[in-house]
Amino acid sequence: MTSRAPLEHQAAWWMLAPALAFTLVFALYPVVDSFFLSLHRIFLGVPALGQPFVGFENYQTMAGDPVARQAFLVTIGFVLVSTALELVLGLGIALVIHEHFSGRGWVRVAALIPWSIPTVVASQMWRFIFNDQYGLANLLLFGERVEEYIPWLAYPGFAFAAIVFADVWKTSSFAGLLILAGLQVIPEEVYDAARIDGATTWQRFWKITLPLLKPALLLALLFRTMDAFRVFDLVFVMTQGGPGDSTLVLQFYGYKALFAEGRMGYGAAISVTVFLAIFVLSLFYIRGIGSRLLEKEPA
């Protein structure tokens, strides 16, 4: 057994090599290259200026940029609101489609349709729905009374609510799918024993379902937070960051700085900041919240 161990280790490394190579090329290299670019002052279309090394000057500029601070606050607000709503609605979806009833398969398919639609297509659909002239939202609320129509995407509060609503509509089913996987591994015998002991439906949910769903809820929270923090296409299609930067998220601001303004180094600094924020949040979830949620309760 001892003599076979080195051969088994070598075989394991050879099996992992394709995945490691893929991760290095398509995940790690872009991050390292973006960080390298963020340390330089680069303007697209102006090669005469060169690419001088400026250290952390781009990050210092971003720290003093009021638009960047506004984008950061908008991003944090979007992450908090959308993730909370998606977890609650995802839990509700998972609980419904986990039950046994006639046509459950069709209900599961219907619940996953929003998630299967490409984000650009869904964003365009919601932009049409919230259009103040011919949108379905105003038609349902006010009918033919044109004078009472609400310009949803022209008011800061309404525009922010619109992108949150569109994101929640699309991705709640994904959170529900992750939570459903956690529900399906809970043994039915646990619920049977609780019923015999006289536990009500609410007591079974609060004392059995939620505690045993903690790993699935943490996974859904982690994935949805990461996805919400790097939102781009939703804002790009629906609002372009407006009105008045009320929906300007960091990813879209980085895109504007890089492609619209040609500040490649500054745009790379924003992208690296988004990556670091997601990395820190992920560590906080796993090491902080996750360790407390997943620890065993004393007997």
C-alpha atoms as a PDB file:
ATOM      1  CA  MET A   1       0.000   0.000   0.000  1.00  0.00           C
ATOM      2  CA  THR A   2       2.849   2.366   0.862  1.00  0.00           C
ATOM      3  CA  SER A   3       4.651   1.731  -2.440  1.00  0.00           C
ATOM      4  CA  ARG A   4       1.488   2.512  -4.405  1.00  0.00           C
ATOM      5  CA  ALA A   5       0.927   5.862  -2.679  1.00  0.00           C
ATOM      6  CA  PRO A   6       3.352   7.917  -4.882  1.00  0.00           C
ATOM      7  CA  LEU A   7       1.782   6.476  -8.029  1.00  0.00           C
ATOM      8  CA  GLU A   8      -1.690   7.332  -6.774  1.00  0.00           C
ATOM      9  CA  HIS A   9      -0.599  10.898  -5.966  1.00  0.00           C
ATOM     10  CA  GLN A  10       0.856  11.292  -9.447  1.00  0.00           C
ATOM     11  CA  ALA A  11      -2.332   9.942 -11.015  1.00  0.00           C
ATOM     12  CA  ALA A  12      -4.392  12.371  -8.933  1.00  0.00           C
ATOM     13  CA  TRP A  13      -2.278  15.332 -10.065  1.00  0.00           C
ATOM     14  CA  TRP A  14      -2.581  14.263 -13.716  1.00  0.00           C
ATOM     15  CA  MET A  15      -6.359  14.076 -13.343  1.00  0.00           C
ATOM     16  CA  LEU A  16      -6.462  17.527 -11.754  1.00  0.00           C
ATOM     17  CA  ALA A  17      -4.100  19.066 -14.300  1.00  0.00           C
ATOM     18  CA  PRO A  18      -6.751  19.977 -16.947  1.00  0.00           C
ATOM     19  CA  ALA A  19      -8.970  21.698 -14.377  1.00  0.00           C
ATOM     20  CA  LEU A  20      -5.988  23.522 -12.848  1.00  0.00           C
ATOM     21  CA  ALA A  21      -4.767  24.641 -16.272  1.00  0.00           C
ATOM     22  CA  PHE A  22      -8.254  25.872 -17.183  1.00  0.00           C
ATOM     23  CA  THR A  23      -8.480  27.805 -13.900  1.00  0.00           C
ATOM     24  CA  LEU A  24      -5.055  29.379 -14.361  1.00  0.00           C
ATOM     25  CA  VAL A  25      -5.689  30.451 -17.960  1.00  0.00           C
ATOM     26  CA  PHE A  26      -9.301  31.622 -17.759  1.00  0.00           C
ATOM     27  CA  ALA A  27      -9.650  32.720 -14.122  1.00  0.00           C
ATOM     28  CA  LEU A  28      -6.347  33.577 -12.481  1.00  0.00           C
ATOM     29  CA  TYR A  29      -4.542  35.111 -15.463  1.00  0.00           C
ATOM     30  CA  PRO A  30      -7.256  37.741 -16.209  1.00  0.00           C
ATOM     31  CA  VAL A  31      -7.215  38.829 -12.562  1.00  0.00           C
ATOM     32  CA  VAL A  32      -3.414  39.141 -12.486  1.00  0.00           C
ATOM     33  CA  ASP A  33      -3.380  40.956 -15.824  1.00  0.00           C
ATOM     34  CA  SER A  34      -6.105  43.373 -14.688  1.00  0.00           C
ATOM     35  CA  PHE A  35      -4.135  44.137 -11.539  1.00  0.00           C
ATOM     36  CA  PHE A  36      -1.026  44.768 -13.658  1.00  0.00           C
ATOM     37  CA  LEU A  37      -2.974  47.152 -15.911  1.00  0.00           C
ATOM     38  CA  SER A  38      -4.417  48.964 -12.901  1.00  0.00           C
ATOM     39  CA  LEU A  39      -0.896  49.962 -11.868  1.00  0.00           C
ATOM     40  CA  HIS A  40      -0.381  51.904 -15.105  1.00  0.00           C
ATOM     41  CA  ARG A  41      -1.835  55.054 -16.651  1.00  0.00           C
ATOM     42  CA  ILE A  42      -3.208  53.869 -19.992  1.00  0.00           C
ATOM     43  CA  PHE A  43      -5.482  55.806 -22.350  1.00  0.00           C
ATOM     44  CA  LEU A  44      -7.001  53.907 -25.257  1.00  0.00           C
ATOM     45  CA  GLY A  45      -6.421  55.581 -28.593  1.00  0.00           C
ATOM     46  CA  VAL A  46      -3.584  57.788 -27.307  1.00  0.00           C
ATOM     47  CA  PRO A  47      -0.433  55.687 -27.780  1.00  0.00           C
ATOM     48  CA  ALA A  48       1.786  58.788 -27.579  1.00  0.00           C
ATOM     49  CA  LEU A  49       1.192  58.967 -23.825  1.00  0.00           C
ATOM     50  CA  GLY A  50       2.663  55.512 -23.369  1.00  0.00           C
ATOM     51  CA  GLN A  51       1.854  53.287 -20.386  1.00  0.00           C
ATOM     52  CA  PRO A  52       3.729  54.808 -17.440  1.00  0.00           C
ATOM     53  CA  PHE A  53       3.813  52.901 -14.168  1.00  0.00           C
ATOM     54  CA  VAL A  54       1.889  54.892 -11.534  1.00  0.00           C
ATOM     55  CA  GLY A  55       1.578  52.353  -8.709  1.00  0.00           C
ATOM     56  CA  PHE A  56      -1.648  52.707  -6.753  1.00  0.00           C
ATOM     57  CA  GLU A  57      -2.505  56.113  -8.191  1.00  0.00           C
ATOM     58  CA  ASN A  58      -5.619  54.750  -9.934  1.00  0.00           C
ATOM     59  CA  TYR A  59      -6.876  53.327  -6.651  1.00  0.00           C
ATOM     60  CA  GLN A  60      -6.237  56.654  -4.895  1.00  0.00           C
ATOM     61  CA  THR A  61      -8.130  58.434  -7.656  1.00  0.00           C
ATOM     62  CA  MET A  62     -11.019  56.005  -7.266  1.00  0.00           C
ATOM     63  CA  ALA A  63     -11.097  56.554  -3.493  1.00  0.00           C
ATOM     64  CA  GLY A  64     -11.524  60.303  -4.077  1.00  0.00           C
ATOM     65  CA  ASP A  65     -13.946  59.932  -6.980  1.00  0.00           C
ATOM     66  CA  PRO A  66     -17.504  60.851  -5.883  1.00  0.00           C
ATOM     67  CA  VAL A  67     -18.993  58.929  -8.819  1.00  0.00           C
ATOM     68  CA  ALA A  68     -17.098  55.786  -7.786  1.00  0.00           C
ATOM     69  CA  ARG A  69     -18.342  56.169  -4.198  1.00  0.00           C
ATOM     70  CA  GLN A  70     -21.897  56.601  -5.485  1.00  0.00           C
ATOM     71  CA  ALA A  71     -21.503  53.497  -7.658  1.00  0.00           C
ATOM     72  CA  PHE A  72     -20.185  51.531  -4.679  1.00  0.00           C
ATOM     73  CA  LEU A  73     -23.156  52.544  -2.503  1.00  0.00           C
ATOM     74  CA  VAL A  74     -25.613  51.704  -5.281  1.00  0.00           C
ATOM     75  CA  THR A  75     -23.937  48.311  -5.727  1.00  0.00           C
ATOM     76  CA  ILE A  76     -24.097  47.549  -1.997  1.00  0.00           C
ATOM     77  CA  GLY A  77     -27.762  48.555  -1.884  1.00  0.00           C
ATOM     78  CA  PHE A  78     -28.550  46.410  -4.906  1.00  0.00           C
ATOM     79  CA  VAL A  79     -26.734  43.416  -3.411  1.00  0.00           C
ATOM     80  CA  LEU A  80     -28.461  43.692  -0.031  1.00  0.00           C
ATOM     81  CA  VAL A  81     -31.997  44.202  -1.319  1.00  0.00           C
ATOM     82  CA  SER A  82     -31.928  41.780  -4.251  1.00  0.00           C
ATOM     83  CA  THR A  83     -30.151  38.982  -2.365  1.00  0.00           C
ATOM     84  CA  ALA A  84     -32.516  39.179   0.612  1.00  0.00           C
ATOM     85  CA  LEU A  85     -35.602  39.088  -1.614  1.00  0.00           C
ATOM     86  CA  GLU A  86     -34.212  36.263  -3.738  1.00  0.00           C
ATOM     87  CA  LEU A  87     -33.458  34.103  -0.706  1.00  0.00           C
ATOM     88  CA  VAL A  88     -36.937  34.607   0.743  1.00  0.00           C
ATOM     89  CA  LEU A  89     -38.707  34.003  -2.570  1.00  0.00           C
ATOM     90  CA  GLY A  90     -36.345  31.154  -3.436  1.00  0.00           C
ATOM     91  CA  LEU A  91     -37.167  29.466  -0.141  1.00  0.00           C
ATOM     92  CA  GLY A  92     -40.874  29.836  -0.883  1.00  0.00           C
ATOM     93  CA  ILE A  93     -40.436  28.414  -4.389  1.00  0.00           C
ATOM     94  CA  ALA A  94     -38.422  25.482  -3.053  1.00  0.00           C
ATOM     95  CA  LEU A  95     -41.004  24.671  -0.382  1.00  0.00           C
ATOM     96  CA  VAL A  96     -43.824  24.699  -2.945  1.00  0.00           C
ATOM     97  CA  ILE A  97     -42.182  22.572  -5.628  1.00  0.00           C
ATOM     98  CA  HIS A  98     -40.871  20.139  -3.002  1.00  0.00           C
ATOM     99  CA  GLU A  99     -44.405  19.117  -2.061  1.00  0.00           C
ATOM    100  CA  HIS A 100     -46.144  16.223  -3.802  1.00  0.00           C
ATOM    101  CA  PHE A 101     -49.108  17.315  -5.911  1.00  0.00           C
ATOM    102  CA  SER A 102     -50.521  16.717  -9.361  1.00  0.00           C
ATOM    103  CA  GLY A 103     -48.567  18.566 -12.047  1.00  0.00           C
ATOM    104  CA  ARG A 104     -45.527  19.206  -9.853  1.00  0.00           C
ATOM    105  CA  GLY A 105     -43.170  18.575 -12.774  1.00  0.00           C
ATOM    106  CA  TRP A 106     -44.836  21.290 -14.851  1.00  0.00           C
ATOM    107  CA  VAL A 107     -44.684  23.716 -11.944  1.00  0.00           C
ATOM    108  CA  ARG A 108     -40.952  23.043 -11.525  1.00  0.00           C
ATOM    109  CA  VAL A 109     -40.342  23.693 -15.210  1.00  0.00           C
ATOM    110  CA  ALA A 110     -42.392  26.908 -15.103  1.00  0.00           C
ATOM    111  CA  ALA A 111     -40.506  28.135 -12.029  1.00  0.00           C
ATOM    112  CA  LEU A 112     -37.175  27.739 -13.831  1.00  0.00           C
ATOM    113  CA  ILE A 113     -38.216  29.535 -17.029  1.00  0.00           C
ATOM    114  CA  PRO A 114     -37.158  33.045 -15.827  1.00  0.00           C
ATOM    115  CA  TRP A 115     -33.693  31.770 -14.900  1.00  0.00           C
ATOM    116  CA  SER A 116     -33.259  30.081 -18.293  1.00  0.00           C
ATOM    117  CA  ILE A 117     -33.936  33.317 -20.219  1.00  0.00           C
ATOM    118  CA  PRO A 118     -30.718  35.186 -21.145  1.00  0.00           C
ATOM    119  CA  THR A 119     -30.214  38.239 -18.961  1.00  0.00           C
ATOM    120  CA  VAL A 120     -30.041  40.635 -21.915  1.00  0.00           C
ATOM    121  CA  VAL A 121     -33.364  39.351 -23.246  1.00  0.00           C
ATOM    122  CA  ALA A 122     -35.017  39.536 -19.829  1.00  0.00           C
ATOM    123  CA  SER A 123     -33.625  43.055 -19.269  1.00  0.00           C
ATOM    124  CA  GLN A 124     -34.990  44.242 -22.603  1.00  0.00           C
ATOM    125  CA  MET A 125     -38.365  42.754 -21.742  1.00  0.00           C
ATOM    126  CA  TRP A 126     -38.502  44.600 -18.421  1.00  0.00           C
ATOM    127  CA  ARG A 127     -37.356  47.823 -20.084  1.00  0.00           C
ATOM    128  CA  PHE A 128     -40.375  47.563 -22.367  1.00  0.00           C
ATOM    129  CA  ILE A 129     -42.665  46.708 -19.453  1.00  0.00           C
ATOM    130  CA  PHE A 130     -41.538  49.795 -17.484  1.00  0.00           C
ATOM    131  CA  ASN A 131     -41.667  52.126 -20.490  1.00  0.00           C
ATOM    132  CA  ASP A 132     -43.775  55.158 -19.577  1.00  0.00           C
ATOM    133  CA  GLN A 133     -45.494  55.414 -22.981  1.00  0.00           C
ATOM    134  CA  TYR A 134     -46.388  51.860 -23.989  1.00  0.00           C
ATOM    135  CA  GLY A 135     -45.251  49.724 -21.034  1.00  0.00           C
ATOM    136  CA  LEU A 136     -47.416  47.024 -19.524  1.00  0.00           C
ATOM    137  CA  ALA A 137     -46.849  48.279 -15.950  1.00  0.00           C
ATOM    138  CA  ASN A 138     -48.600  51.600 -16.564  1.00  0.00           C
ATOM    139  CA  LEU A 139     -51.305  49.927 -18.621  1.00  0.00           C
ATOM    140  CA  LEU A 140     -52.167  47.554 -15.784  1.00  0.00           C
ATOM    141  CA  LEU A 141     -52.100  50.308 -13.158  1.00  0.00           C
ATOM    142  CA  PHE A 142     -53.795  53.183 -15.002  1.00  0.00           C
ATOM    143  CA  GLY A 143     -55.427  51.700 -18.073  1.00  0.00           C
ATOM    144  CA  GLU A 144     -55.898  54.319 -20.789  1.00  0.00           C
ATOM    145  CA  ARG A 145     -55.365  57.322 -18.457  1.00  0.00           C
ATOM    146  CA  VAL A 146     -52.168  58.547 -20.095  1.00  0.00           C
ATOM    147  CA  GLU A 147     -51.939  61.633 -17.895  1.00  0.00           C
ATOM    148  CA  GLU A 148     -51.378  59.416 -14.830  1.00  0.00           C
ATOM    149  CA  TYR A 149     -48.607  57.273 -16.275  1.00  0.00           C
ATOM    150  CA  ILE A 150     -45.448  56.897 -14.163  1.00  0.00           C
ATOM    151  CA  PRO A 151     -42.069  57.335 -15.905  1.00  0.00           C
ATOM    152  CA  TRP A 152     -40.577  54.404 -14.029  1.00  0.00           C
ATOM    153  CA  LEU A 153     -37.059  54.575 -15.444  1.00  0.00           C
ATOM    154  CA  ALA A 154     -36.861  58.381 -15.208  1.00  0.00           C
ATOM    155  CA  TYR A 155     -37.174  58.633 -11.402  1.00  0.00           C
ATOM    156  CA  PRO A 156     -34.155  57.507  -9.315  1.00  0.00           C
ATOM    157  CA  GLY A 157     -36.139  55.515  -6.753  1.00  0.00           C
ATOM    158  CA  PHE A 158     -38.389  53.852  -9.311  1.00  0.00           C
ATOM    159  CA  ALA A 159     -35.449  53.058 -11.606  1.00  0.00           C
ATOM    160  CA  PHE A 160     -33.529  51.383  -8.785  1.00  0.00           C
ATOM    161  CA  ALA A 161     -36.636  49.412  -7.780  1.00  0.00           C
ATOM    162  CA  ALA A 162     -37.118  48.380 -11.416  1.00  0.00           C
ATOM    163  CA  ILE A 163     -33.660  46.815 -11.777  1.00  0.00           C
ATOM    164  CA  VAL A 164     -34.031  45.092  -8.404  1.00  0.00           C
ATOM    165  CA  PHE A 165     -37.454  43.750  -9.419  1.00  0.00           C
ATOM    166  CA  ALA A 166     -36.098  42.489 -12.752  1.00  0.00           C
ATOM    167  CA  ASP A 167     -33.146  40.757 -11.070  1.00  0.00           C
ATOM    168  CA  VAL A 168     -35.336  39.174  -8.385  1.00  0.00           C
ATOM    169  CA  TRP A 169     -37.804  37.936 -11.011  1.00  0.00           C
ATOM    170  CA  LYS A 170     -35.037  36.263 -12.993  1.00  0.00           C
ATOM    171  CA  THR A 171     -32.819  34.725 -10.325  1.00  0.00           C
ATOM    172  CA  SER A 172     -35.155  33.775  -7.465  1.00  0.00           C
ATOM    173  CA  SER A 173     -35.766  30.456  -9.198  1.00  0.00           C
ATOM    174  CA  PHE A 174     -32.005  29.772  -9.191  1.00  0.00           C
ATOM    175  CA  ALA A 175     -31.896  30.308  -5.431  1.00  0.00           C
ATOM    176  CA  GLY A 176     -34.971  28.099  -5.173  1.00  0.00           C
ATOM    177  CA  LEU A 177     -33.201  25.350  -7.121  1.00  0.00           C
ATOM    178  CA  LEU A 178     -30.237  25.399  -4.729  1.00  0.00           C
ATOM    179  CA  ILE A 179     -32.518  25.351  -1.685  1.00  0.00           C
ATOM    180  CA  LEU A 180     -34.615  22.555  -3.222  1.00  0.00           C
ATOM    181  CA  ALA A 181     -31.474  20.412  -3.408  1.00  0.00           C
ATOM    182  CA  GLY A 182     -31.068  20.932   0.335  1.00  0.00           C
ATOM    183  CA  LEU A 183     -34.701  20.062   1.011  1.00  0.00           C
ATOM    184  CA  GLN A 184     -34.491  16.787  -0.859  1.00  0.00           C
ATOM    185  CA  VAL A 185     -31.725  15.395   1.345  1.00  0.00           C
ATOM    186  CA  ILE A 186     -33.681  15.919   4.582  1.00  0.00           C
ATOM    187  CA  PRO A 187     -34.923  12.471   5.693  1.00  0.00           C
ATOM    188  CA  GLU A 188     -38.714  12.165   5.754  1.00  0.00           C
ATOM    189  CA  GLU A 189     -38.413  10.070   8.925  1.00  0.00           C
ATOM    190  CA  VAL A 190     -37.434  13.205  10.846  1.00  0.00           C
ATOM    191  CA  TYR A 191     -40.742  14.845   9.940  1.00  0.00           C
ATOM    192  CA  ASP A 192     -42.669  11.658  10.767  1.00  0.00           C
ATOM    193  CA  ALA A 193     -41.104  11.549  14.217  1.00  0.00           C
ATOM    194  CA  ALA A 194     -41.955  15.218  14.775  1.00  0.00           C
ATOM    195  CA  ARG A 195     -45.588  14.621  13.772  1.00  0.00           C
ATOM    196  CA  ILE A 196     -45.816  11.742  16.219  1.00  0.00           C
ATOM    197  CA  ASP A 197     -44.477  14.056  18.931  1.00  0.00           C
ATOM    198  CA  GLY A 198     -47.225  16.549  18.104  1.00  0.00           C
ATOM    199  CA  ALA A 199     -45.146  19.223  16.354  1.00  0.00           C
ATOM    200  CA  THR A 200     -47.165  21.681  14.285  1.00  0.00           C
ATOM    201  CA  THR A 201     -46.331  22.637  10.699  1.00  0.00           C
ATOM    202  CA  TRP A 202     -44.663  25.859  11.842  1.00  0.00           C
ATOM    203  CA  GLN A 203     -42.651  24.037  14.512  1.00  0.00           C
ATOM    204  CA  ARG A 204     -41.462  21.467  11.968  1.00  0.00           C
ATOM    205  CA  PHE A 205     -40.410  24.252   9.617  1.00  0.00           C
ATOM    206  CA  TRP A 206     -38.654  26.303  12.300  1.00  0.00           C
ATOM    207  CA  LYS A 207     -37.003  23.451  14.245  1.00  0.00           C
ATOM    208  CA  ILE A 208     -36.253  20.958  11.463  1.00  0.00           C
ATOM    209  CA  THR A 209     -36.384  22.454   7.971  1.00  0.00           C
ATOM    210  CA  LEU A 210     -34.501  25.705   8.552  1.00  0.00           C
ATOM    211  CA  PRO A 211     -31.659  24.238  10.661  1.00  0.00           C
ATOM    212  CA  LEU A 212     -31.073  21.430   8.159  1.00  0.00           C
ATOM    213  CA  LEU A 213     -31.235  23.904   5.253  1.00  0.00           C
ATOM    214  CA  LYS A 214     -28.380  26.045   6.560  1.00  0.00           C
ATOM    215  CA  PRO A 215     -25.756  24.663   4.137  1.00  0.00           C
ATOM    216  CA  ALA A 216     -28.057  25.138   1.131  1.00  0.00           C
ATOM    217  CA  LEU A 217     -29.063  28.625   2.272  1.00  0.00           C
ATOM    218  CA  LEU A 218     -25.418  29.590   2.724  1.00  0.00           C
ATOM    219  CA  LEU A 219     -24.586  28.322  -0.764  1.00  0.00           C
ATOM    220  CA  ALA A 220     -27.497  30.244  -2.277  1.00  0.00           C
ATOM    221  CA  LEU A 221     -26.486  33.360  -0.330  1.00  0.00           C
ATOM    222  CA  LEU A 222     -22.892  33.075  -1.543  1.00  0.00           C
ATOM    223  CA  PHE A 223     -23.775  32.538  -5.202  1.00  0.00           C
ATOM    224  CA  ARG A 224     -26.416  35.255  -5.330  1.00  0.00           C
ATOM    225  CA  THR A 225     -24.196  37.803  -3.563  1.00  0.00           C
ATOM    226  CA  MET A 226     -21.345  37.162  -5.987  1.00  0.00           C
ATOM    227  CA  ASP A 227     -23.706  37.422  -8.952  1.00  0.00           C
ATOM    228  CA  ALA A 228     -25.417  40.572  -7.692  1.00  0.00           C
ATOM    229  CA  PHE A 229     -22.122  42.335  -6.943  1.00  0.00           C
ATOM    230  CA  ARG A 230     -20.952  41.957 -10.539  1.00  0.00           C
ATOM    231  CA  VAL A 231     -24.257  42.911 -12.171  1.00  0.00           C
ATOM    232  CA  PHE A 232     -23.707  44.646 -15.487  1.00  0.00           C
ATOM    233  CA  ASP A 233     -25.957  43.611 -18.367  1.00  0.00           C
ATOM    234  CA  LEU A 234     -29.165  44.352 -16.455  1.00  0.00           C
ATOM    235  CA  VAL A 235     -28.120  47.972 -15.858  1.00  0.00           C
ATOM    236  CA  PHE A 236     -26.593  48.310 -19.318  1.00  0.00           C
ATOM    237  CA  VAL A 237     -29.852  47.402 -21.050  1.00  0.00           C
ATOM    238  CA  MET A 238     -32.446  48.939 -18.724  1.00  0.00           C
ATOM    239  CA  THR A 239     -31.059  52.238 -17.436  1.00  0.00           C
ATOM    240  CA  GLN A 240     -27.453  52.849 -18.576  1.00  0.00           C
ATOM    241  CA  GLY A 241     -26.745  53.802 -14.952  1.00  0.00           C
ATOM    242  CA  GLY A 242     -29.289  56.615 -14.864  1.00  0.00           C
ATOM    243  CA  PRO A 243     -31.128  58.676 -14.017  1.00  0.00           C
ATOM    244  CA  GLY A 244     -28.539  60.755 -12.178  1.00  0.00           C
ATOM    245  CA  ASP A 245     -26.293  57.743 -11.441  1.00  0.00           C
ATOM    246  CA  SER A 246     -29.060  56.263  -9.286  1.00  0.00           C
ATOM    247  CA  THR A 247     -28.513  52.819 -10.847  1.00  0.00           C
ATOM    248  CA  LEU A 248     -24.804  53.162 -11.633  1.00  0.00           C
ATOM    249  CA  VAL A 249     -23.145  50.017 -10.304  1.00  0.00           C
ATOM    250  CA  LEU A 250     -19.391  49.481 -10.095  1.00  0.00           C
ATOM    251  CA  GLN A 251     -19.179  47.050 -12.988  1.00  0.00           C
ATOM    252  CA  PHE A 252     -20.970  49.447 -15.330  1.00  0.00           C
ATOM    253  CA  TYR A 253     -18.890  52.380 -14.112  1.00  0.00           C
ATOM    254  CA  GLY A 254     -15.750  50.385 -14.858  1.00  0.00           C
ATOM    255  CA  TYR A 255     -17.083  49.670 -18.344  1.00  0.00           C
ATOM    256  CA  LYS A 256     -17.751  53.376 -18.927  1.00  0.00           C
ATOM    257  CA  ALA A 257     -14.313  54.387 -17.658  1.00  0.00           C
ATOM    258  CA  LEU A 258     -12.603  51.783 -19.837  1.00  0.00           C
ATOM    259  CA  PHE A 259     -14.511  51.875 -23.116  1.00  0.00           C
ATOM    260  CA  ALA A 260     -16.402  55.181 -23.155  1.00  0.00           C
ATOM    261  CA  GLU A 261     -13.646  57.333 -21.619  1.00  0.00           C
ATOM    262  CA  GLY A 262     -10.654  55.240 -22.676  1.00  0.00           C
ATOM    263  CA  ARG A 263      -9.097  55.142 -19.171  1.00  0.00           C
ATOM    264  CA  MET A 264      -7.897  51.567 -19.270  1.00  0.00           C
ATOM    265  CA  GLY A 265      -5.827  51.673 -16.092  1.00  0.00           C
ATOM    266  CA  TYR A 266      -8.629  53.272 -14.098  1.00  0.00           C
ATOM    267  CA  GLY A 267     -11.215  50.840 -15.469  1.00  0.00           C
ATOM    268  CA  ALA A 268      -8.936  47.925 -14.543  1.00  0.00           C
ATOM    269  CA  ALA A 269      -8.619  49.334 -11.007  1.00  0.00           C
ATOM    270  CA  ILE A 270     -12.422  49.333 -10.686  1.00  0.00           C
ATOM    271  CA  SER A 271     -12.591  45.732 -11.916  1.00  0.00           C
ATOM    272  CA  VAL A 272      -9.933  44.645  -9.420  1.00  0.00           C
ATOM    273  CA  THR A 273     -11.845  46.433  -6.647  1.00  0.00           C
ATOM    274  CA  VAL A 274     -14.998  44.496  -7.555  1.00  0.00           C
ATOM    275  CA  PHE A 275     -13.031  41.240  -7.499  1.00  0.00           C
ATOM    276  CA  LEU A 276     -11.523  42.031  -4.084  1.00  0.00           C
ATOM    277  CA  ALA A 277     -14.928  43.002  -2.682  1.00  0.00           C
ATOM    278  CA  ILE A 278     -16.426  39.705  -3.853  1.00  0.00           C
ATOM    279  CA  PHE A 279     -13.443  37.795  -2.471  1.00  0.00           C
ATOM    280  CA  VAL A 280     -13.726  39.454   0.947  1.00  0.00           C
ATOM    281  CA  LEU A 281     -17.481  38.894   1.070  1.00  0.00           C
ATOM    282  CA  SER A 282     -17.029  35.237   0.147  1.00  0.00           C
ATOM    283  CA  LEU A 283     -14.467  34.748   2.917  1.00  0.00           C
ATOM    284  CA  PHE A 284     -16.793  36.487   5.364  1.00  0.00           C
ATOM    285  CA  TYR A 285     -19.668  34.190   4.424  1.00  0.00           C
ATOM    286  CA  ILE A 286     -17.604  31.003   4.568  1.00  0.00           C
ATOM    287  CA  ARG A 287     -15.369  31.754   7.561  1.00  0.00           C
ATOM    288  CA  GLY A 288     -17.704  34.002   9.527  1.00  0.00           C
ATOM    289  CA  ILE A 289     -21.368  33.255   8.891  1.00  0.00           C
ATOM    290  CA  GLY A 290     -20.751  29.755   7.541  1.00  0.00           C
ATOM    291  CA  SER A 291     -18.765  28.517  10.514  1.00  0.00           C
ATOM    292  CA  ARG A 292     -21.499  29.648  12.905  1.00  0.00           C
ATOM    293  CA  LEU A 293     -24.379  28.327  10.809  1.00  0.00           C
ATOM    294  CA  LEU A 294     -22.818  24.939  10.159  1.00  0.00           C
ATOM    295  CA  GLU A 295     -21.493  24.200  13.606  1.00  0.00           C
ATOM    296  CA  LYS A 296     -23.235  21.393  15.458  1.00  0.00           C
ATOM    297  CA  GLU A 297     -25.563  22.322  18.267  1.00  0.00           C
ATOM    298  CA  PRO A 298     -24.685  20.852  21.628  1.00  0.00           C
ATOM    299  CA  ALA A 299     -26.560  17.710  22.520  1.00  0.00           C
END
